[in-house]
């Protein structure tokens, strides 16, 4: 199956979270040894919001449902870095004729 690209415009102001994945061992004499955990030793996530009419939000919902929370898709983050991401749980808030969809994209790595 071909990897699809998520190209819907998110709301401006997304805040990415980057956390290094570090292994450490503390020895009895005060010495501590640390290293990165694996070749992709950084966790990256982006909480995003999409606001619009039902006709704007429905394609985003369809894309997220199609990927079922576990299928990866291509997405260019606000730093213009193209990568593979997954999106699990999402929330939709109805505000009259406009809707707000909230979801978090998490970076994944595949061989």
N, C-alpha and C. Protein backbone atom coordinates (compact mmCIF):
# COMPACT_ATOMS: atom_id res chain seq x y z
N UNK A 1 0.83 -1.17 0.00
CA UNK A 1 0.00 0.00 0.00
C UNK A 1 0.88 1.25 0.00
N UNK A 2 0.53 2.20 -0.84
CA UNK A 2 1.29 3.42 -0.94
C UNK A 2 1.05 4.31 0.29
N UNK A 3 2.09 4.98 0.75
CA UNK A 3 1.95 5.88 1.89
C UNK A 3 1.37 7.20 1.40
N UNK A 4 0.24 7.59 1.98
CA UNK A 4 -0.43 8.82 1.58
C UNK A 4 0.18 10.03 2.29
N UNK A 5 -0.08 11.19 1.72
CA UNK A 5 0.42 12.45 2.28
C UNK A 5 -0.73 13.25 2.88
N UNK A 6 -0.55 13.70 4.10
CA UNK A 6 -1.53 14.56 4.76
C UNK A 6 -1.20 15.99 4.36
N UNK A 7 -2.09 16.64 3.62
CA UNK A 7 -1.78 17.99 3.14
C UNK A 7 -2.87 19.01 3.46
N UNK A 8 -3.61 18.77 4.53
CA UNK A 8 -4.64 19.72 4.95
C UNK A 8 -3.98 20.81 5.80
N UNK A 9 -4.37 22.07 5.63
CA UNK A 9 -3.72 23.15 6.38
C UNK A 9 -4.17 23.20 7.84
N UNK A 10 -3.21 23.09 8.74
CA UNK A 10 -3.50 23.18 10.18
C UNK A 10 -3.55 24.64 10.59
N UNK A 11 -4.13 24.87 11.73
CA UNK A 11 -4.20 26.22 12.28
C UNK A 11 -2.79 26.72 12.61
N UNK A 12 -2.54 27.99 12.40
CA UNK A 12 -1.24 28.58 12.68
C UNK A 12 -1.00 28.57 14.19
N UNK A 13 0.24 28.34 14.59
CA UNK A 13 0.59 28.39 16.01
C UNK A 13 0.83 27.04 16.64
N UNK A 14 1.08 26.01 15.84
CA UNK A 14 1.35 24.68 16.39
C UNK A 14 2.66 24.69 17.18
N UNK A 15 2.67 23.97 18.28
CA UNK A 15 3.86 23.88 19.13
C UNK A 15 4.35 22.44 19.13
N UNK A 16 5.51 22.21 18.55
CA UNK A 16 6.08 20.86 18.52
C UNK A 16 6.81 20.54 19.81
N UNK A 17 6.81 19.27 20.15
CA UNK A 17 7.53 18.81 21.34
C UNK A 17 8.58 17.82 20.89
N UNK A 18 9.83 18.08 21.27
CA UNK A 18 10.95 17.22 20.91
C UNK A 18 11.62 16.76 22.19
N UNK A 19 11.74 15.44 22.33
CA UNK A 19 12.33 14.89 23.55
C UNK A 19 13.35 13.82 23.17
N UNK A 20 14.62 14.03 23.55
CA UNK A 20 15.62 13.00 23.26
C UNK A 20 15.34 11.74 24.07
N UNK A 21 15.58 10.61 23.45
CA UNK A 21 15.41 9.33 24.13
C UNK A 21 16.80 8.88 24.56
N UNK A 22 17.03 8.87 25.86
CA UNK A 22 18.36 8.65 26.41
C UNK A 22 18.36 7.45 27.34
N UNK A 23 19.38 6.63 27.20
CA UNK A 23 19.62 5.54 28.15
C UNK A 23 20.70 6.01 29.11
N UNK A 24 20.53 5.69 30.37
CA UNK A 24 21.57 6.06 31.32
C UNK A 24 21.73 4.97 32.37
N UNK A 25 22.96 4.85 32.84
CA UNK A 25 23.30 3.89 33.89
C UNK A 25 24.06 4.65 34.96
N UNK A 26 23.59 4.56 36.19
CA UNK A 26 24.25 5.22 37.32
C UNK A 26 25.07 4.17 38.07
N UNK A 27 26.35 4.45 38.25
CA UNK A 27 27.22 3.54 38.97
C UNK A 27 27.39 4.02 40.41
N UNK A 28 27.80 3.11 41.27
CA UNK A 28 27.89 3.40 42.70
C UNK A 28 28.89 4.48 43.06
N UNK A 29 29.90 4.71 42.25
CA UNK A 29 30.92 5.70 42.60
C UNK A 29 30.59 7.11 42.09
N UNK A 30 29.33 7.32 41.66
CA UNK A 30 28.91 8.64 41.18
C UNK A 30 29.04 8.82 39.68
N UNK A 31 29.65 7.84 39.02
CA UNK A 31 29.82 7.93 37.57
C UNK A 31 28.50 7.57 36.89
N UNK A 32 28.14 8.32 35.88
CA UNK A 32 26.91 8.07 35.13
C UNK A 32 27.26 8.01 33.64
N UNK A 33 26.79 6.97 32.98
CA UNK A 33 27.05 6.82 31.55
C UNK A 33 25.72 6.98 30.81
N UNK A 34 25.72 7.80 29.75
CA UNK A 34 24.50 8.04 28.97
C UNK A 34 24.79 7.89 27.49
N UNK A 35 23.74 7.52 26.76
CA UNK A 35 23.83 7.43 25.29
C UNK A 35 22.43 7.54 24.71
N UNK A 36 22.38 7.83 23.42
CA UNK A 36 21.10 7.84 22.73
C UNK A 36 20.57 6.43 22.62
N UNK A 37 19.26 6.29 22.64
CA UNK A 37 18.62 4.97 22.59
C UNK A 37 18.19 4.67 21.17
N UNK A 38 19.06 4.06 20.40
CA UNK A 38 18.73 3.69 19.03
C UNK A 38 19.17 4.74 18.02
N UNK A 39 18.92 4.46 16.75
CA UNK A 39 19.36 5.38 15.70
C UNK A 39 18.40 6.56 15.53
N UNK A 40 17.18 6.42 15.98
CA UNK A 40 16.19 7.51 15.94
C UNK A 40 15.84 7.88 17.37
N UNK A 41 16.79 8.51 18.03
CA UNK A 41 16.69 8.73 19.47
C UNK A 41 16.04 10.06 19.83
N UNK A 42 14.93 10.36 19.17
CA UNK A 42 14.20 11.58 19.52
C UNK A 42 12.71 11.36 19.29
N UNK A 43 11.92 11.70 20.30
CA UNK A 43 10.47 11.64 20.20
C UNK A 43 9.99 13.01 19.74
N UNK A 44 9.12 13.03 18.73
CA UNK A 44 8.60 14.28 18.19
C UNK A 44 7.08 14.19 18.09
N UNK A 45 6.39 15.20 18.59
CA UNK A 45 4.93 15.23 18.47
C UNK A 45 4.46 16.66 18.24
N UNK A 46 3.33 16.76 17.55
CA UNK A 46 2.74 18.05 17.19
C UNK A 46 1.24 18.04 17.47
N UNK A 47 0.78 18.72 18.52
CA UNK A 47 -0.66 18.89 18.71
C UNK A 47 -1.16 19.92 17.68
N UNK A 48 -2.17 19.56 16.92
CA UNK A 48 -2.67 20.41 15.84
C UNK A 48 -4.16 20.65 15.98
N UNK A 49 -4.61 21.76 15.40
CA UNK A 49 -6.03 22.09 15.34
C UNK A 49 -6.41 22.45 13.92
N UNK A 50 -7.59 22.04 13.53
CA UNK A 50 -8.15 22.36 12.22
C UNK A 50 -9.52 22.97 12.47
N UNK A 51 -9.75 24.14 11.91
CA UNK A 51 -11.01 24.85 12.13
C UNK A 51 -11.65 25.13 10.79
N UNK A 52 -12.95 24.89 10.71
CA UNK A 52 -13.65 25.19 9.47
C UNK A 52 -15.07 24.67 9.48
N UNK A 53 -15.72 24.88 8.36
CA UNK A 53 -17.07 24.36 8.18
C UNK A 53 -17.02 22.84 8.08
N UNK A 54 -18.16 22.21 8.18
CA UNK A 54 -18.23 20.75 8.10
C UNK A 54 -17.56 20.23 6.84
N UNK A 55 -17.75 20.93 5.72
CA UNK A 55 -17.15 20.49 4.45
C UNK A 55 -15.62 20.57 4.48
N UNK A 56 -15.05 21.41 5.35
CA UNK A 56 -13.59 21.49 5.50
C UNK A 56 -13.05 20.40 6.42
N UNK A 57 -13.83 20.04 7.43
CA UNK A 57 -13.39 19.09 8.44
C UNK A 57 -13.60 17.64 8.01
N UNK A 58 -14.64 17.38 7.24
CA UNK A 58 -14.95 15.99 6.85
C UNK A 58 -13.79 15.29 6.13
N UNK A 59 -13.07 15.93 5.19
CA UNK A 59 -11.94 15.23 4.56
C UNK A 59 -10.82 14.89 5.55
N UNK A 60 -10.61 15.74 6.54
CA UNK A 60 -9.59 15.47 7.56
C UNK A 60 -10.01 14.25 8.39
N UNK A 61 -11.28 14.22 8.79
CA UNK A 61 -11.81 13.08 9.55
C UNK A 61 -11.69 11.80 8.74
N UNK A 62 -12.03 11.86 7.46
CA UNK A 62 -11.94 10.68 6.60
C UNK A 62 -10.50 10.17 6.50
N UNK A 63 -9.55 11.09 6.37
CA UNK A 63 -8.13 10.71 6.29
C UNK A 63 -7.69 10.03 7.58
N UNK A 64 -8.04 10.63 8.72
CA UNK A 64 -7.64 10.06 10.02
C UNK A 64 -8.29 8.70 10.26
N UNK A 65 -9.55 8.57 9.90
CA UNK A 65 -10.23 7.27 10.06
C UNK A 65 -9.63 6.21 9.14
N UNK A 66 -9.27 6.61 7.94
CA UNK A 66 -8.66 5.66 7.00
C UNK A 66 -7.35 5.11 7.56
N UNK A 67 -6.60 5.92 8.28
CA UNK A 67 -5.31 5.49 8.81
C UNK A 67 -5.42 4.82 10.17
N UNK A 68 -6.57 4.86 10.80
CA UNK A 68 -6.93 4.07 11.98
C UNK A 68 -5.98 4.19 13.16
N UNK A 69 -5.21 5.25 13.22
CA UNK A 69 -4.33 5.46 14.37
C UNK A 69 -3.02 4.71 14.33
N UNK A 70 -2.86 3.77 13.41
CA UNK A 70 -1.62 3.00 13.37
C UNK A 70 -0.91 3.06 12.03
N UNK A 71 -1.61 3.42 10.97
CA UNK A 71 -0.94 3.53 9.67
C UNK A 71 -0.20 4.87 9.59
N UNK A 72 1.02 4.81 9.13
CA UNK A 72 1.82 6.03 8.99
C UNK A 72 1.44 6.77 7.71
N UNK A 73 1.64 8.07 7.74
CA UNK A 73 1.42 8.91 6.57
C UNK A 73 2.52 9.97 6.53
N UNK A 74 2.72 10.53 5.34
CA UNK A 74 3.71 11.59 5.19
C UNK A 74 3.07 12.91 5.59
N UNK A 75 3.86 13.75 6.25
CA UNK A 75 3.40 15.08 6.63
C UNK A 75 4.61 15.98 6.76
N UNK A 76 4.47 17.21 6.29
CA UNK A 76 5.53 18.20 6.42
C UNK A 76 5.21 19.07 7.64
N UNK A 77 6.04 18.97 8.67
CA UNK A 77 5.77 19.71 9.92
C UNK A 77 6.01 21.21 9.72
N UNK A 78 5.67 22.04 10.70
CA UNK A 78 5.87 23.48 10.55
C UNK A 78 7.32 23.91 10.33
N UNK A 79 8.28 23.04 10.60
CA UNK A 79 9.69 23.33 10.32
C UNK A 79 10.05 22.94 8.89
N UNK A 80 9.06 22.55 8.10
CA UNK A 80 9.21 22.13 6.70
C UNK A 80 9.98 20.83 6.55
N UNK A 81 9.97 19.99 7.58
CA UNK A 81 10.63 18.68 7.53
C UNK A 81 9.59 17.62 7.17
N UNK A 82 9.83 16.91 6.08
CA UNK A 82 8.93 15.84 5.67
C UNK A 82 9.28 14.58 6.46
N UNK A 83 8.27 13.94 7.02
CA UNK A 83 8.51 12.72 7.79
C UNK A 83 7.28 11.85 7.82
N UNK A 84 7.42 10.71 8.48
CA UNK A 84 6.30 9.79 8.67
C UNK A 84 5.71 10.03 10.05
N UNK A 85 4.38 10.09 10.10
CA UNK A 85 3.68 10.38 11.35
C UNK A 85 2.49 9.45 11.50
N UNK A 86 2.04 9.34 12.74
CA UNK A 86 0.79 8.64 13.06
C UNK A 86 -0.07 9.58 13.88
N UNK A 87 -1.38 9.39 13.77
CA UNK A 87 -2.33 10.17 14.56
C UNK A 87 -3.31 9.20 15.20
N UNK A 88 -3.40 9.24 16.50
CA UNK A 88 -4.32 8.36 17.21
C UNK A 88 -5.66 9.03 17.44
N UNK A 89 -5.96 9.26 18.68
CA UNK A 89 -7.23 9.84 19.09
C UNK A 89 -7.35 11.27 18.57
N UNK A 90 -8.56 11.64 18.13
CA UNK A 90 -8.82 13.03 17.77
C UNK A 90 -10.16 13.45 18.34
N UNK A 91 -10.31 14.75 18.55
CA UNK A 91 -11.53 15.32 19.14
C UNK A 91 -12.12 16.33 18.18
N UNK A 92 -13.45 16.39 18.15
CA UNK A 92 -14.14 17.38 17.33
C UNK A 92 -15.09 18.16 18.23
N UNK A 93 -14.98 19.47 18.16
CA UNK A 93 -15.86 20.35 18.92
C UNK A 93 -16.74 21.11 17.92
N UNK A 94 -18.05 21.02 18.10
CA UNK A 94 -18.99 21.73 17.24
C UNK A 94 -19.25 23.12 17.81
N UNK A 95 -19.05 24.14 16.98
CA UNK A 95 -19.28 25.53 17.37
C UNK A 95 -20.28 26.15 16.39
N UNK A 96 -21.51 25.72 16.46
CA UNK A 96 -22.51 26.20 15.50
C UNK A 96 -22.24 25.59 14.14
N UNK A 97 -21.98 26.42 13.14
CA UNK A 97 -21.72 25.91 11.79
C UNK A 97 -20.24 25.63 11.55
N UNK A 98 -19.38 25.95 12.53
CA UNK A 98 -17.95 25.68 12.41
C UNK A 98 -17.53 24.62 13.41
N UNK A 99 -16.47 23.92 13.06
CA UNK A 99 -15.98 22.81 13.87
C UNK A 99 -14.50 22.99 14.13
N UNK A 100 -14.04 22.47 15.27
CA UNK A 100 -12.62 22.44 15.60
C UNK A 100 -12.23 20.99 15.82
N UNK A 101 -11.27 20.51 15.04
CA UNK A 101 -10.74 19.16 15.18
C UNK A 101 -9.36 19.27 15.80
N UNK A 102 -9.12 18.53 16.88
CA UNK A 102 -7.82 18.53 17.56
C UNK A 102 -7.23 17.13 17.49
N UNK A 103 -5.95 17.05 17.16
CA UNK A 103 -5.27 15.77 17.02
C UNK A 103 -3.78 15.99 17.27
N UNK A 104 -3.07 14.96 17.68
CA UNK A 104 -1.62 15.03 17.85
C UNK A 104 -0.96 14.08 16.87
N UNK A 105 -0.02 14.61 16.08
CA UNK A 105 0.77 13.80 15.16
C UNK A 105 2.07 13.42 15.87
N UNK A 106 2.41 12.14 15.83
CA UNK A 106 3.63 11.64 16.44
C UNK A 106 4.53 11.05 15.37
N UNK A 107 5.79 11.46 15.37
CA UNK A 107 6.76 10.99 14.37
C UNK A 107 7.05 9.52 14.59
N UNK A 108 7.08 8.77 13.50
CA UNK A 108 7.43 7.35 13.54
C UNK A 108 8.53 7.09 12.52
N UNK A 109 9.21 6.00 12.68
CA UNK A 109 10.30 5.63 11.78
C UNK A 109 10.06 4.23 11.28
N UNK A 110 10.28 4.03 10.00
CA UNK A 110 10.11 2.71 9.40
C UNK A 110 11.35 2.37 8.60
N UNK A 111 11.68 1.09 8.53
CA UNK A 111 12.88 0.69 7.78
C UNK A 111 12.72 0.93 6.29
